[in-house]
Amino acid sequence: MQSIVDAEFQNHTIVSIGHKLDNVINYDKVAVLEAGHLVEFESPEVLLSNSKSHFSRLYQKSRRVKVRYEAVEDITVGGGVAIAEGEVEIDQKGEKSSI
């Protein structure tokens, strides 16, 4: 869908509410609202270059994925089964990320 919007409305003004930040970074300007108030309005490049900007922090957080895991291990010596549960964040490279 994003490719259709990009191609068909190339020379138009687009007002978009974006939840997928990878699509938003292609726009000329980004407005970031918090509690109904405008907190940032700038190009994505400028906002991403500032690690303290709301947009930059949202973008970095969106690049991490939480993975829920359940590991079951057969413990033959004790005759029982060990079950471990938890969550871990994985970045886009597939590496563990700090929470």
Protein backbone atom coordinates (compact mmCIF):
# COMPACT_ATOMS: atom_id res chain seq x y z
CA MET A 1 0.00 0.00 0.00
CA GLN A 2 2.82 2.42 0.85
CA SER A 3 4.37 1.98 -2.60
CA ILE A 4 1.04 2.94 -4.22
CA VAL A 5 0.78 6.08 -2.07
CA ASP A 6 4.41 6.96 -2.86
CA ALA A 7 3.92 6.51 -6.62
CA GLU A 8 0.43 7.93 -7.14
CA PHE A 9 0.70 10.94 -4.83
CA GLN A 10 4.32 11.84 -5.49
CA ASN A 11 3.54 15.51 -6.26
CA HIS A 12 0.85 15.97 -3.60
CA THR A 13 0.76 16.92 0.04
CA ILE A 14 0.06 13.87 2.18
CA VAL A 15 -1.15 14.02 5.76
CA SER A 16 -0.67 10.57 7.24
CA ILE A 17 -0.98 9.07 10.69
CA GLY A 18 1.85 6.59 10.68
CA HIS A 19 2.24 3.62 12.93
CA LYS A 20 4.96 2.00 10.84
CA LEU A 21 7.83 4.40 11.29
CA ASP A 22 9.81 2.85 8.43
CA ASN A 23 7.24 4.41 6.07
CA VAL A 24 7.23 7.78 7.82
CA ILE A 25 10.98 8.30 7.43
CA ASN A 26 10.45 8.82 3.68
CA TYR A 27 8.29 11.93 4.21
CA ASP A 28 9.59 15.50 4.02
CA LYS A 29 8.44 16.43 7.53
CA VAL A 30 7.29 14.56 10.61
CA ALA A 31 5.04 15.97 13.31
CA VAL A 32 5.26 14.20 16.66
CA LEU A 33 2.34 14.64 19.04
CA GLU A 34 2.31 13.79 22.71
CA ALA A 35 -0.89 14.04 24.76
CA GLY A 36 -2.43 16.02 21.90
CA HIS A 37 0.37 18.60 21.78
CA LEU A 38 2.92 19.10 19.03
CA VAL A 39 6.36 18.31 20.50
CA GLU A 40 8.43 18.05 17.30
CA PHE A 41 8.12 19.08 13.66
CA GLU A 42 11.12 18.57 11.42
CA SER A 43 12.52 16.34 8.69
CA PRO A 44 13.00 12.70 9.67
CA GLU A 45 16.74 13.00 9.05
CA VAL A 46 17.12 15.86 11.52
CA LEU A 47 14.97 14.15 14.15
CA LEU A 48 16.80 10.82 13.78
CA SER A 49 20.17 12.54 14.12
CA ASN A 50 19.18 13.73 17.61
CA SER A 51 19.16 10.71 19.93
CA LYS A 52 17.12 12.70 22.48
CA SER A 53 14.25 13.52 20.10
CA HIS A 54 10.90 11.84 20.66
CA PHE A 55 10.87 10.56 17.08
CA SER A 56 14.37 9.11 17.32
CA ARG A 57 13.54 7.25 20.52
CA LEU A 58 10.26 5.91 19.07
CA TYR A 59 12.07 4.81 15.92
CA GLN A 60 14.84 3.01 17.81
CA LYS A 61 12.29 1.32 20.05
CA SER A 62 10.28 0.18 17.01
CA ARG A 63 13.40 -1.48 15.56
CA ARG A 64 13.51 -3.93 18.46
CA VAL A 65 11.27 -6.94 18.58
CA LYS A 66 10.14 -8.70 21.72
CA VAL A 67 10.30 -12.44 21.39
CA ARG A 68 8.47 -14.64 23.86
CA TYR A 69 10.10 -17.98 24.32
CA GLU A 70 9.36 -21.20 26.08
CA ALA A 71 12.14 -23.72 26.42
CA VAL A 72 11.50 -27.25 27.51
CA GLU A 73 14.40 -29.42 28.55
CA ASP A 74 14.20 -33.08 29.41
CA ILE A 75 16.16 -33.80 32.56
CA THR A 76 16.87 -37.50 32.29
CA VAL A 77 18.93 -37.73 35.47
CA GLY A 78 16.14 -36.40 37.68
CA GLY A 79 13.38 -37.89 35.59
CA GLY A 80 11.59 -34.55 35.25
CA VAL A 81 11.12 -31.73 32.81
CA ALA A 82 12.42 -28.18 33.24
CA ILE A 83 10.42 -25.38 31.66
CA ALA A 84 11.72 -21.85 31.25
CA GLU A 85 9.71 -18.86 30.08
CA GLY A 86 10.66 -15.29 29.39
CA GLU A 87 11.00 -12.43 26.97
CA VAL A 88 14.01 -11.11 25.14
CA GLU A 89 14.35 -8.16 22.76
CA ILE A 90 15.98 -8.82 19.41
CA ASP A 91 17.24 -6.01 17.18
CA GLN A 92 17.01 -5.96 13.37
CA LYS A 93 20.32 -7.87 13.13
CA GLY A 94 18.90 -10.72 15.19
CA GLU A 95 21.06 -9.88 18.21
CA LYS A 96 19.92 -9.44 21.80
CA SER A 97 19.16 -5.83 22.60
CA SER A 98 19.22 -4.01 25.91
CA ILE A 99 15.77 -3.21 27.29
